[in-house]
Every structure is written in C-alpha cells, then in structure tokens.
C-alpha cells in the first residue's frame, strides 16, 4: 500500500503544470536606431530593422530554455544595450559603445 501511495504521489508531482513566467527582450541606447535578432517565443530566429529606443519583445512560457537577443547600432556613434528579463527582473544585460557595434546576450533562463 505504501508503495502504491508513493507511486501515485510521484505521478501527481510529475504531471503538475509549471506556472507561466513573463519574459522579455529589451533594446535601448543612445543611438536610437538598431537592427535586432532574437530567438523568439517559438524557438525561431526573427529579425527587425530598424527599431528605436525602448524596443521590446514579450511573451510568457513555462520552464526554462535557451534565449538569445542581439542588436547592432545602425549609426556612426552612440551605444546599444540589450537585456533579457525574466519575471520582471533583468537577468542578463550587455552594452556596446561606438558606431555599428553589436551587443548580445544569451543563456538558459
């Protein structure tokens, strides 16, 4: 009986759905014009050009997976900053300074 109860509890804990968590990629800087490449919510590569300051891509998902965002400054001077946000908190950020520079962040979150 104890063995059956243990197996039942194990099955219930394994089939429990994980909660959905808010994720976002953000791009900003002093340049104001960027080319952006991301791994989107479906695991595909997606690009935008040009985008301005405070550009973002948002979604919700359960669990963790590999994420990627890269942005290039489209101007001869200025900076570009990229961020990965998980649950409302910035978990990874990077800034590049100068004309046509690229900032990239990635990781499993």
PDB file of N, CA and C in Angstrom:
ATOM      1  N   UNK A   1       0.826  -1.193   0.000  1.00  0.00           N
ATOM      2  CA  UNK A   1       0.000   0.000   0.000  1.00  0.00           C
ATOM      3  C   UNK A   1       0.867   1.252   0.000  1.00  0.00           C
ATOM      4  N   UNK A   2       1.939   1.247   0.819  1.00  0.00           N
ATOM      5  CA  UNK A   2       2.823   2.414   0.864  1.00  0.00           C
ATOM      6  C   UNK A   2       3.487   2.645  -0.486  1.00  0.00           C
ATOM      7  N   UNK A   3       3.840   1.540  -1.160  1.00  0.00           N
ATOM      8  CA  UNK A   3       4.475   1.648  -2.463  1.00  0.00           C
ATOM      9  C   UNK A   3       3.510   2.260  -3.478  1.00  0.00           C
ATOM     10  N   UNK A   4       2.252   1.865  -3.453  1.00  0.00           N
ATOM     11  CA  UNK A   4       1.240   2.400  -4.356  1.00  0.00           C
ATOM     12  C   UNK A   4       1.018   3.882  -4.084  1.00  0.00           C
ATOM     13  N   UNK A   5       0.953   4.271  -2.823  1.00  0.00           N
ATOM     14  CA  UNK A   5       0.784   5.669  -2.455  1.00  0.00           C
ATOM     15  C   UNK A   5       1.978   6.496  -2.939  1.00  0.00           C
ATOM     16  N   UNK A   6       3.190   5.978  -2.779  1.00  0.00           N
ATOM     17  CA  UNK A   6       4.391   6.676  -3.236  1.00  0.00           C
ATOM     18  C   UNK A   6       4.352   6.876  -4.756  1.00  0.00           C
ATOM     19  N   UNK A   7       3.987   5.848  -5.502  1.00  0.00           N
ATOM     20  CA  UNK A   7       3.915   5.937  -6.958  1.00  0.00           C
ATOM     21  C   UNK A   7       2.844   6.942  -7.371  1.00  0.00           C
ATOM     22  N   UNK A   8       1.720   6.950  -6.706  1.00  0.00           N
ATOM     23  CA  UNK A   8       0.650   7.899  -7.000  1.00  0.00           C
ATOM     24  C   UNK A   8       1.107   9.331  -6.738  1.00  0.00           C
ATOM     25  N   UNK A   9       1.774   9.571  -5.627  1.00  0.00           N
ATOM     26  CA  UNK A   9       2.278  10.913  -5.320  1.00  0.00           C
ATOM     27  C   UNK A   9       3.348  11.346  -6.317  1.00  0.00           C
ATOM     28  N   UNK A  10       4.196  10.434  -6.715  1.00  0.00           N
ATOM     29  CA  UNK A  10       5.221  10.731  -7.708  1.00  0.00           C
ATOM     30  C   UNK A  10       4.579  11.109  -9.040  1.00  0.00           C
ATOM     31  N   UNK A  11       3.555  10.373  -9.453  1.00  0.00           N
ATOM     32  CA  UNK A  11       2.851  10.657 -10.691  1.00  0.00           C
ATOM     33  C   UNK A  11       2.194  12.034 -10.649  1.00  0.00           C
ATOM     34  N   UNK A  12       1.554  12.370  -9.554  1.00  0.00           N
ATOM     35  CA  UNK A  12       0.893  13.667  -9.404  1.00  0.00           C
ATOM     36  C   UNK A  12       1.919  14.793  -9.464  1.00  0.00           C
ATOM     37  N   UNK A  13       3.049  14.627  -8.794  1.00  0.00           N
ATOM     38  CA  UNK A  13       4.056  15.692  -8.794  1.00  0.00           C
ATOM     39  C   UNK A  13       4.693  15.846 -10.175  1.00  0.00           C
ATOM     40  N   UNK A  14       4.806  14.790 -10.947  1.00  0.00           N
ATOM     41  CA  UNK A  14       5.403  14.865 -12.276  1.00  0.00           C
ATOM     42  C   UNK A  14       4.453  15.449 -13.309  1.00  0.00           C
ATOM     43  N   UNK A  15       3.158  15.299 -13.093  1.00  0.00           N
ATOM     44  CA  UNK A  15       2.196  15.801 -14.068  1.00  0.00           C
ATOM     45  C   UNK A  15       1.713  17.210 -13.749  1.00  0.00           C
ATOM     46  N   UNK A  16       2.162  17.781 -12.665  1.00  0.00           N
ATOM     47  CA  UNK A  16       1.768  19.130 -12.291  1.00  0.00           C
ATOM     48  C   UNK A  16       2.341  20.124 -13.302  1.00  0.00           C
ATOM     49  N   UNK A  17       1.500  21.014 -13.819  1.00  0.00           N
ATOM     50  CA  UNK A  17       1.947  22.000 -14.792  1.00  0.00           C
ATOM     51  C   UNK A  17       2.750  23.104 -14.112  1.00  0.00           C
ATOM     52  N   UNK A  18       3.827  23.532 -14.777  1.00  0.00           N
ATOM     53  CA  UNK A  18       4.617  24.638 -14.278  1.00  0.00           C
ATOM     54  C   UNK A  18       3.894  25.948 -14.586  1.00  0.00           C
ATOM     55  N   UNK A  19       4.042  26.946 -13.723  1.00  0.00           N
ATOM     56  CA  UNK A  19       3.390  28.226 -13.995  1.00  0.00           C
ATOM     57  C   UNK A  19       4.074  28.956 -15.153  1.00  0.00           C
ATOM     58  N   UNK A  20       3.301  29.758 -15.865  1.00  0.00           N
ATOM     59  CA  UNK A  20       3.856  30.581 -16.940  1.00  0.00           C
ATOM     60  C   UNK A  20       4.561  31.780 -16.327  1.00  0.00           C
ATOM     61  N   UNK A  21       5.726  32.128 -16.884  1.00  0.00           N
ATOM     62  CA  UNK A  21       6.536  33.233 -16.392  1.00  0.00           C
ATOM     63  C   UNK A  21       6.679  34.260 -17.505  1.00  0.00           C
ATOM     64  N   UNK A  22       6.654  35.546 -17.136  1.00  0.00           N
ATOM     65  CA  UNK A  22       6.821  36.646 -18.081  1.00  0.00           C
ATOM     66  C   UNK A  22       8.297  36.752 -18.490  1.00  0.00           C
ATOM     67  N   UNK A  23       8.544  36.849 -19.789  1.00  0.00           N
ATOM     68  CA  UNK A  23       9.879  37.057 -20.346  1.00  0.00           C
ATOM     69  C   UNK A  23       9.845  38.247 -21.290  1.00  0.00           C
ATOM     70  N   UNK A  24      10.989  38.907 -21.462  1.00  0.00           N
ATOM     71  CA  UNK A  24      11.096  39.993 -22.433  1.00  0.00           C
ATOM     72  C   UNK A  24      12.534  40.170 -22.867  1.00  0.00           C
ATOM     73  N   UNK A  25      12.692  40.609 -24.096  1.00  0.00           N
ATOM     74  CA  UNK A  25      13.957  41.134 -24.590  1.00  0.00           C
ATOM     75  C   UNK A  25      13.752  42.641 -24.696  1.00  0.00           C
ATOM     76  N   UNK A  26      14.756  43.420 -24.337  1.00  0.00           N
ATOM     77  CA  UNK A  26      14.675  44.873 -24.445  1.00  0.00           C
ATOM     78  C   UNK A  26      15.926  45.408 -25.133  1.00  0.00           C
ATOM     79  N   UNK A  27      15.735  46.443 -25.949  1.00  0.00           N
ATOM     80  CA  UNK A  27      16.839  47.114 -26.634  1.00  0.00           C
ATOM     81  C   UNK A  27      16.691  48.609 -26.410  1.00  0.00           C
ATOM     82  N   UNK A  28      17.797  49.256 -26.034  1.00  0.00           N
ATOM     83  CA  UNK A  28      17.809  50.709 -25.832  1.00  0.00           C
ATOM     84  C   UNK A  28      19.223  51.202 -26.075  1.00  0.00           C
ATOM     85  N   UNK A  29      19.450  52.470 -25.854  1.00  0.00           N
ATOM     86  CA  UNK A  29      20.783  53.044 -26.001  1.00  0.00           C
ATOM     87  C   UNK A  29      20.711  54.497 -26.388  1.00  0.00           C
ATOM     88  N   UNK A  30      21.844  55.051 -26.814  1.00  0.00           N
ATOM     89  CA  UNK A  30      21.880  56.460 -27.205  1.00  0.00           C
ATOM     90  C   UNK A  30      21.832  56.642 -28.717  1.00  0.00           C
ATOM     91  N   UNK A  31      21.921  55.566 -29.472  1.00  0.00           N
ATOM     92  CA  UNK A  31      21.915  55.648 -30.930  1.00  0.00           C
ATOM     93  C   UNK A  31      20.524  55.955 -31.480  1.00  0.00           C
ATOM     94  N   UNK A  32      19.517  55.230 -30.987  1.00  0.00           N
ATOM     95  CA  UNK A  32      18.142  55.434 -31.441  1.00  0.00           C
ATOM     96  C   UNK A  32      17.738  54.619 -32.649  1.00  0.00           C
ATOM     97  N   UNK A  33      18.686  53.890 -33.269  1.00  0.00           N
ATOM     98  CA  UNK A  33      18.363  53.052 -34.424  1.00  0.00           C
ATOM     99  C   UNK A  33      19.192  51.776 -34.344  1.00  0.00           C
ATOM    100  N   UNK A  34      18.492  50.622 -34.381  1.00  0.00           N
ATOM    101  CA  UNK A  34      19.156  49.337 -34.169  1.00  0.00           C
ATOM    102  C   UNK A  34      18.595  48.273 -35.112  1.00  0.00           C
ATOM    103  N   UNK A  35      19.416  47.284 -35.404  1.00  0.00           N
ATOM    104  CA  UNK A  35      18.987  46.059 -36.073  1.00  0.00           C
ATOM    105  C   UNK A  35      18.990  44.970 -35.005  1.00  0.00           C
ATOM    106  N   UNK A  36      17.872  44.250 -34.871  1.00  0.00           N
ATOM    107  CA  UNK A  36      17.711  43.296 -33.776  1.00  0.00           C
ATOM    108  C   UNK A  36      17.492  41.889 -34.325  1.00  0.00           C
ATOM    109  N   UNK A  37      18.158  40.907 -33.696  1.00  0.00           N
ATOM    110  CA  UNK A  37      17.953  39.491 -33.995  1.00  0.00           C
ATOM    111  C   UNK A  37      17.675  38.775 -32.679  1.00  0.00           C
ATOM    112  N   UNK A  38      16.633  37.936 -32.661  1.00  0.00           N
ATOM    113  CA  UNK A  38      16.267  37.208 -31.443  1.00  0.00           C
ATOM    114  C   UNK A  38      15.948  35.755 -31.754  1.00  0.00           C
ATOM    115  N   UNK A  39      15.943  34.946 -30.703  1.00  0.00           N
ATOM    116  CA  UNK A  39      15.255  33.664 -30.751  1.00  0.00           C
ATOM    117  C   UNK A  39      13.896  33.928 -30.133  1.00  0.00           C
ATOM    118  N   UNK A  40      12.830  33.792 -30.925  1.00  0.00           N
ATOM    119  CA  UNK A  40      11.504  34.182 -30.444  1.00  0.00           C
ATOM    120  C   UNK A  40      10.872  33.129 -29.530  1.00  0.00           C
ATOM    121  N   UNK A  41       9.647  33.367 -29.128  1.00  0.00           N
ATOM    122  CA  UNK A  41       8.948  32.500 -28.179  1.00  0.00           C
ATOM    123  C   UNK A  41       8.723  31.092 -28.713  1.00  0.00           C
ATOM    124  N   UNK A  42       8.852  30.893 -30.022  1.00  0.00           N
ATOM    125  CA  UNK A  42       8.628  29.587 -30.632  1.00  0.00           C
ATOM    126  C   UNK A  42       9.933  28.881 -30.998  1.00  0.00           C
ATOM    127  N   UNK A  43      11.084  29.494 -30.622  1.00  0.00           N
ATOM    128  CA  UNK A  43      12.380  28.891 -30.895  1.00  0.00           C
ATOM    129  C   UNK A  43      12.934  29.198 -32.270  1.00  0.00           C
ATOM    130  N   UNK A  44      12.303  30.135 -32.984  1.00  0.00           N
ATOM    131  CA  UNK A  44      12.753  30.515 -34.319  1.00  0.00           C
ATOM    132  C   UNK A  44      13.560  31.811 -34.259  1.00  0.00           C
ATOM    133  N   UNK A  45      14.415  32.032 -35.255  1.00  0.00           N
ATOM    134  CA  UNK A  45      15.153  33.282 -35.373  1.00  0.00           C
ATOM    135  C   UNK A  45      14.268  34.317 -36.044  1.00  0.00           C
ATOM    136  N   UNK A  46      14.285  35.523 -35.493  1.00  0.00           N
ATOM    137  CA  UNK A  46      13.468  36.606 -36.037  1.00  0.00           C
ATOM    138  C   UNK A  46      14.285  37.886 -36.011  1.00  0.00           C
ATOM    139  N   UNK A  47      14.101  38.752 -37.033  1.00  0.00           N
ATOM    140  CA  UNK A  47      14.859  39.992 -37.121  1.00  0.00           C
ATOM    141  C   UNK A  47      13.945  41.189 -37.362  1.00  0.00           C
ATOM    142  N   UNK A  48      14.408  42.344 -36.873  1.00  0.00           N
ATOM    143  CA  UNK A  48      13.740  43.626 -37.110  1.00  0.00           C
ATOM    144  C   UNK A  48      14.797  44.662 -37.459  1.00  0.00           C
ATOM    145  N   UNK A  49      14.483  45.533 -38.417  1.00  0.00           N
ATOM    146  CA  UNK A  49      15.396  46.614 -38.790  1.00  0.00           C
ATOM    147  C   UNK A  49      14.632  47.693 -39.547  1.00  0.00           C
ATOM    148  N   UNK A  50      14.711  48.926 -39.150  1.00  0.00           N
ATOM    149  CA  UNK A  50      15.290  49.433 -37.908  1.00  0.00           C
ATOM    150  C   UNK A  50      14.251  49.454 -36.798  1.00  0.00           C
ATOM    151  N   UNK A  51      14.731  49.447 -35.570  1.00  0.00           N
ATOM    152  CA  UNK A  51      13.880  49.680 -34.401  1.00  0.00           C
ATOM    153  C   UNK A  51      14.487  50.829 -33.615  1.00  0.00           C
ATOM    154  N   UNK A  52      13.661  51.483 -32.794  1.00  0.00           N
ATOM    155  CA  UNK A  52      14.128  52.613 -31.996  1.00  0.00           C
ATOM    156  C   UNK A  52      14.361  52.233 -30.547  1.00  0.00           C
ATOM    157  N   UNK A  53      14.612  53.254 -29.738  1.00  0.00           N
ATOM    158  CA  UNK A  53      14.833  53.047 -28.301  1.00  0.00           C
ATOM    159  C   UNK A  53      13.605  52.438 -27.651  1.00  0.00           C
ATOM    160  N   UNK A  54      13.844  51.688 -26.596  1.00  0.00           N
ATOM    161  CA  UNK A  54      12.799  51.044 -25.798  1.00  0.00           C
ATOM    162  C   UNK A  54      12.002  50.009 -26.586  1.00  0.00           C
ATOM    163  N   UNK A  55      12.644  49.388 -27.590  1.00  0.00           N
ATOM    164  CA  UNK A  55      12.021  48.276 -28.301  1.00  0.00           C
ATOM    165  C   UNK A  55      11.978  47.081 -27.358  1.00  0.00           C
ATOM    166  N   UNK A  56      10.896  46.295 -27.427  1.00  0.00           N
ATOM    167  CA  UNK A  56      10.813  45.091 -26.605  1.00  0.00           C
ATOM    168  C   UNK A  56      10.025  44.004 -27.323  1.00  0.00           C
ATOM    169  N   UNK A  57      10.291  42.784 -26.936  1.00  0.00           N
ATOM    170  CA  UNK A  57       9.582  41.596 -27.394  1.00  0.00           C
ATOM    171  C   UNK A  57       9.217  40.835 -26.130  1.00  0.00           C
ATOM    172  N   UNK A  58       7.922  40.553 -25.911  1.00  0.00           N
ATOM    173  CA  UNK A  58       7.454  39.966 -24.655  1.00  0.00           C
ATOM    174  C   UNK A  58       6.637  38.710 -24.906  1.00  0.00           C
ATOM    175  N   UNK A  59       6.721  37.756 -23.974  1.00  0.00           N
ATOM    176  CA  UNK A  59       5.928  36.542 -24.038  1.00  0.00           C
ATOM    177  C   UNK A  59       5.899  35.890 -22.658  1.00  0.00           C
ATOM    178  N   UNK A  60       5.086  34.840 -22.515  1.00  0.00           N
ATOM    179  CA  UNK A  60       5.093  34.023 -21.297  1.00  0.00           C
ATOM    180  C   UNK A  60       5.379  32.583 -21.693  1.00  0.00           C
ATOM    181  N   UNK A  61       6.033  31.867 -20.788  1.00  0.00           N
ATOM    182  CA  UNK A  61       6.332  30.453 -21.016  1.00  0.00           C
ATOM    183  C   UNK A  61       6.496  29.762 -19.677  1.00  0.00           C
ATOM    184  N   UNK A  62       6.310  28.467 -19.685  1.00  0.00           N
ATOM    185  CA  UNK A  62       6.584  27.646 -18.509  1.00  0.00           C
ATOM    186  C   UNK A  62       7.990  27.075 -18.649  1.00  0.00           C
ATOM    187  N   UNK A  63       8.676  26.944 -17.542  1.00  0.00           N
ATOM    188  CA  UNK A  63      10.004  26.341 -17.563  1.00  0.00           C
ATOM    189  C   UNK A  63      11.080  27.272 -18.070  1.00  0.00           C
ATOM    190  N   UNK A  64      12.235  26.695 -18.372  1.00  0.00           N
ATOM    191  CA  UNK A  64      13.369  27.470 -18.861  1.00  0.00           C
ATOM    192  C   UNK A  64      13.804  26.935 -20.217  1.00  0.00           C
ATOM    193  N   UNK A  65      14.512  27.764 -20.970  1.00  0.00           N
ATOM    194  CA  UNK A  65      15.093  27.346 -22.240  1.00  0.00           C
ATOM    195  C   UNK A  65      16.151  28.360 -22.640  1.00  0.00           C
ATOM    196  N   UNK A  66      16.878  28.048 -23.691  1.00  0.00           N
ATOM    197  CA  UNK A  66      17.932  28.937 -24.176  1.00  0.00           C
ATOM    198  C   UNK A  66      17.303  30.165 -24.840  1.00  0.00           C
ATOM    199  N   UNK A  67      17.801  31.356 -24.493  1.00  0.00           N
ATOM    200  CA  UNK A  67      17.302  32.618 -25.034  1.00  0.00           C
ATOM    201  C   UNK A  67      18.451  33.395 -25.655  1.00  0.00           C
ATOM    202  N   UNK A  68      18.132  34.250 -26.648  1.00  0.00           N
ATOM    203  CA  UNK A  68      19.158  34.993 -27.373  1.00  0.00           C
ATOM    204  C   UNK A  68      18.572  36.298 -27.905  1.00  0.00           C
ATOM    205  N   UNK A  69      19.284  37.395 -27.675  1.00  0.00           N
ATOM    206  CA  UNK A  69      18.951  38.675 -28.303  1.00  0.00           C
ATOM    207  C   UNK A  69      20.248  39.396 -28.634  1.00  0.00           C
ATOM    208  N   UNK A  70      20.290  39.968 -29.832  1.00  0.00           N
ATOM    209  CA  UNK A  70      21.462  40.707 -30.303  1.00  0.00           C
ATOM    210  C   UNK A  70      20.964  41.953 -31.032  1.00  0.00           C
ATOM    211  N   UNK A  71      21.638  43.079 -30.818  1.00  0.00           N
ATOM    212  CA  UNK A  71      21.259  44.312 -31.504  1.00  0.00           C
ATOM    213  C   UNK A  71      22.504  45.050 -31.966  1.00  0.00           C
ATOM    214  N   UNK A  72      22.431  45.590 -33.179  1.00  0.00           N
ATOM    215  CA  UNK A  72      23.537  46.375 -33.724  1.00  0.00           C
ATOM    216  C   UNK A  72      23.122  47.832 -33.812  1.00  0.00           C
ATOM    217  N   UNK A  73      24.019  48.710 -33.381  1.00  0.00           N
ATOM    218  CA  UNK A  73      23.854  50.144 -33.535  1.00  0.00           C
ATOM    219  C   UNK A  73      23.913  50.458 -35.032  1.00  0.00           C
ATOM    220  N   UNK A  74      22.900  51.105 -35.579  1.00  0.00           N
ATOM    221  CA  UNK A  74      22.869  51.440 -37.006  1.00  0.00           C
ATOM    222  C   UNK A  74      23.551  52.767 -37.331  1.00  0.00           C
ATOM    223  N   UNK A  75      24.071  53.470 -36.335  1.00  0.00           N
ATOM    224  CA  UNK A  75      24.654  54.793 -36.545  1.00  0.00           C
ATOM    225  C   UNK A  75      26.166  54.789 -36.336  1.00  0.00           C
ATOM    226  N   UNK A  76      26.815  55.872 -36.713  1.00  0.00           N
ATOM    227  CA  UNK A  76      28.267  56.002 -36.632  1.00  0.00           C
ATOM    228  C   UNK A  76      28.775  56.266 -35.214  1.00  0.00           C
ATOM    229  N   UNK A  77      27.874  56.568 -34.292  1.00  0.00           N
ATOM    230  CA  UNK A  77      28.262  56.775 -32.897  1.00  0.00           C
ATOM    231  C   UNK A  77      27.100  56.370 -32.003  1.00  0.00           C
ATOM    232  N   UNK A  78      27.354  56.343 -30.698  1.00  0.00           N
ATOM    233  CA  UNK A  78      26.294  56.001 -29.747  1.00  0.00           C
ATOM    234  C   UNK A  78      26.506  54.641 -29.121  1.00  0.00           C
ATOM    235  N   UNK A  79      25.506  54.200 -28.400  1.00  0.00           N
ATOM    236  CA  UNK A  79      25.577  52.922 -27.695  1.00  0.00           C
ATOM    237  C   UNK A  79      24.328  52.099 -27.962  1.00  0.00           C
ATOM    238  N   UNK A  80      24.437  50.799 -27.663  1.00  0.00           N
ATOM    239  CA  UNK A  80      23.298  49.893 -27.747  1.00  0.00           C
ATOM    240  C   UNK A  80      23.346  48.964 -26.535  1.00  0.00           C
ATOM    241  N   UNK A  81      22.204  48.793 -25.882  1.00  0.00           N
ATOM    242  CA  UNK A  81      22.072  47.920 -24.712  1.00  0.00           C
ATOM    243  C   UNK A  81      20.983  46.895 -24.976  1.00  0.00           C
ATOM    244  N   UNK A  82      21.265  45.623 -24.654  1.00  0.00           N
ATOM    245  CA  UNK A  82      20.272  44.556 -24.758  1.00  0.00           C
ATOM    246  C   UNK A  82      20.085  43.913 -23.386  1.00  0.00           C
ATOM    247  N   UNK A  83      18.872  43.432 -23.130  1.00  0.00           N
ATOM    248  CA  UNK A  83      18.544  42.805 -21.843  1.00  0.00           C
ATOM    249  C   UNK A  83      17.649  41.606 -22.054  1.00  0.00           C
ATOM    250  N   UNK A  84      17.806  40.611 -21.178  1.00  0.00           N
ATOM    251  CA  UNK A  84      16.829  39.532 -21.029  1.00  0.00           C
ATOM    252  C   UNK A  84      16.168  39.736 -19.678  1.00  0.00           C
ATOM    253  N   UNK A  85      14.832  39.759 -19.684  1.00  0.00           N
ATOM    254  CA  UNK A  85      14.039  39.960 -18.468  1.00  0.00           C
ATOM    255  C   UNK A  85      13.254  38.679 -18.191  1.00  0.00           C
ATOM    256  N   UNK A  86      13.294  38.214 -16.955  1.00  0.00           N
ATOM    257  CA  UNK A  86      12.537  37.021 -16.532  1.00  0.00           C
ATOM    258  C   UNK A  86      11.782  37.365 -15.259  1.00  0.00           C
ATOM    259  N   UNK A  87      10.469  37.217 -15.287  1.00  0.00           N
ATOM    260  CA  UNK A  87       9.656  37.501 -14.107  1.00  0.00           C
ATOM    261  C   UNK A  87       9.779  38.941 -13.639  1.00  0.00           C
ATOM    262  N   UNK A  88       9.992  39.862 -14.555  1.00  0.00           N
ATOM    263  CA  UNK A  88      10.090  41.272 -14.211  1.00  0.00           C
ATOM    264  C   UNK A  88      11.479  41.732 -13.791  1.00  0.00           C
ATOM    265  N   UNK A  89      12.447  40.811 -13.710  1.00  0.00           N
ATOM    266  CA  UNK A  89      13.806  41.154 -13.294  1.00  0.00           C
ATOM    267  C   UNK A  89      14.784  40.969 -14.456  1.00  0.00           C
ATOM    268  N   UNK A  90      15.703  41.907 -14.634  1.00  0.00           N
ATOM    269  CA  UNK A  90      16.736  41.771 -15.654  1.00  0.00           C
ATOM    270  C   UNK A  90      17.709  40.683 -15.191  1.00  0.00           C
ATOM    271  N   UNK A  91      17.855  39.623 -15.995  1.00  0.00           N
ATOM    272  CA  UNK A  91      18.746  38.526 -15.631  1.00  0.00           C
ATOM    273  C   UNK A  91      20.062  38.566 -16.406  1.00  0.00           C
ATOM    274  N   UNK A  92      20.105  39.302 -17.510  1.00  0.00           N
ATOM    275  CA  UNK A  92      21.343  39.428 -18.287  1.00  0.00           C
ATOM    276  C   UNK A  92      21.274  40.713 -19.098  1.00  0.00           C
ATOM    277  N   UNK A  93      22.373  41.463 -19.118  1.00  0.00           N
ATOM    278  CA  UNK A  93      22.440  42.706 -19.883  1.00  0.00           C
ATOM    279  C   UNK A  93      23.832  42.889 -20.457  1.00  0.00           C
ATOM    280  N   UNK A  94      23.906  43.614 -21.559  1.00  0.00           N
ATOM    281  CA  UNK A  94      25.190  43.912 -22.180  1.00  0.00           C
ATOM    282  C   UNK A  94      25.046  45.225 -22.953  1.00  0.00           C
ATOM    283  N   UNK A  95      26.106  46.032 -22.950  1.00  0.00           N
ATOM    284  CA  UNK A  95      26.132  47.302 -23.674  1.00  0.00           C
ATOM    285  C   UNK A  95      27.386  47.381 -24.517  1.00  0.00           C
ATOM    286  N   UNK A  96      27.227  47.866 -25.746  1.00  0.00           N
ATOM    287  CA  UNK A  96      28.367  48.144 -26.618  1.00  0.00           C
ATOM    288  C   UNK A  96      28.355  49.618 -26.986  1.00  0.00           C
ATOM    289  N   UNK A  97      29.540  50.196 -27.069  1.00  0.00           N
ATOM    290  CA  UNK A  97      29.687  51.624 -27.343  1.00  0.00           C
ATOM    291  C   UNK A  97      30.421  51.825 -28.665  1.00  0.00           C
ATOM    292  N   UNK A  98      29.895  52.727 -29.496  1.00  0.00           N
ATOM    293  CA  UNK A  98      30.563  53.077 -30.739  1.00  0.00           C
ATOM    294  C   UNK A  98      29.700  52.785 -31.950  1.00  0.00           C
ATOM    295  N   UNK A  99      30.153  53.322 -33.075  1.00  0.00           N
ATOM    296  CA  UNK A  99      29.415  53.155 -34.316  1.00  0.00           C
ATOM    297  C   UNK A  99      29.354  51.720 -34.786  1.00  0.00           C
ATOM    298  N   UNK A 100      28.167  51.279 -35.137  1.00  0.00           N
ATOM    299  CA  UNK A 100      27.896  49.975 -35.730  1.00  0.00           C
ATOM    300  C   UNK A 100      28.300  48.790 -34.846  1.00  0.00           C
ATOM    301  N   UNK A 101      28.446  49.021 -33.532  1.00  0.00           N
ATOM    302  CA  UNK A 101      28.795  47.932 -32.615  1.00  0.00           C
ATOM    303  C   UNK A 101      27.591  47.048 -32.335  1.00  0.00           C
ATOM    304  N   UNK A 102      27.865  45.856 -31.833  1.00  0.00           N
ATOM    305  CA  UNK A 102      26.819  44.866 -31.553  1.00  0.00           C
ATOM    306  C   UNK A 102      26.885  44.462 -30.085  1.00  0.00           C
ATOM    307  N   UNK A 103      25.719  44.404 -29.440  1.00  0.00           N
ATOM    308  CA  UNK A 103      25.595  43.869 -28.083  1.00  0.00           C
ATOM    309  C   UNK A 103      24.738  42.614 -28.140  1.00  0.00           C
ATOM    310  N   UNK A 104      25.181  41.558 -27.455  1.00  0.00           N
ATOM    311  CA  UNK A 104      24.494  40.276 -27.471  1.00  0.00           C
ATOM    312  C   UNK A 104      24.416  39.710 -26.063  1.00  0.00           C
ATOM    313  N   UNK A 105      23.278  39.092 -25.722  1.00  0.00           N
ATOM    314  CA  UNK A 105      23.150  38.310 -24.504  1.00  0.00           C
ATOM    315  C   UNK A 105      22.417  37.011 -24.839  1.00  0.00           C
ATOM    316  N   UNK A 106      22.783  35.951 -24.122  1.00  0.00           N
ATOM    317  CA  UNK A 106      22.114  34.665 -24.306  1.00  0.00           C
ATOM    318  C   UNK A 106      22.297  33.847 -23.045  1.00  0.00           C
ATOM    319  N   UNK A 107      21.558  32.784 -22.948  1.00  0.00           N
ATOM    320  CA  UNK A 107      21.675  31.882 -21.820  1.00  0.00           C
ATOM    321  C   UNK A 107      20.397  31.111 -21.612  1.00  0.00           C
ATOM    322  N   UNK A 108      20.438  30.185 -20.676  1.00  0.00           N
ATOM    323  CA  UNK A 108      19.263  29.392 -20.346  1.00  0.00           C
ATOM    324  C   UNK A 108      18.596  30.012 -19.128  1.00  0.00           C
ATOM    325  N   UNK A 109      17.377  30.450 -19.319  1.00  0.00           N
ATOM    326  CA  UNK A 109      16.609  31.122 -18.260  1.00  0.00           C
ATOM    327  C   UNK A 109      15.185  30.625 -18.257  1.00  0.00           C
TER     328      UNK A 109
END
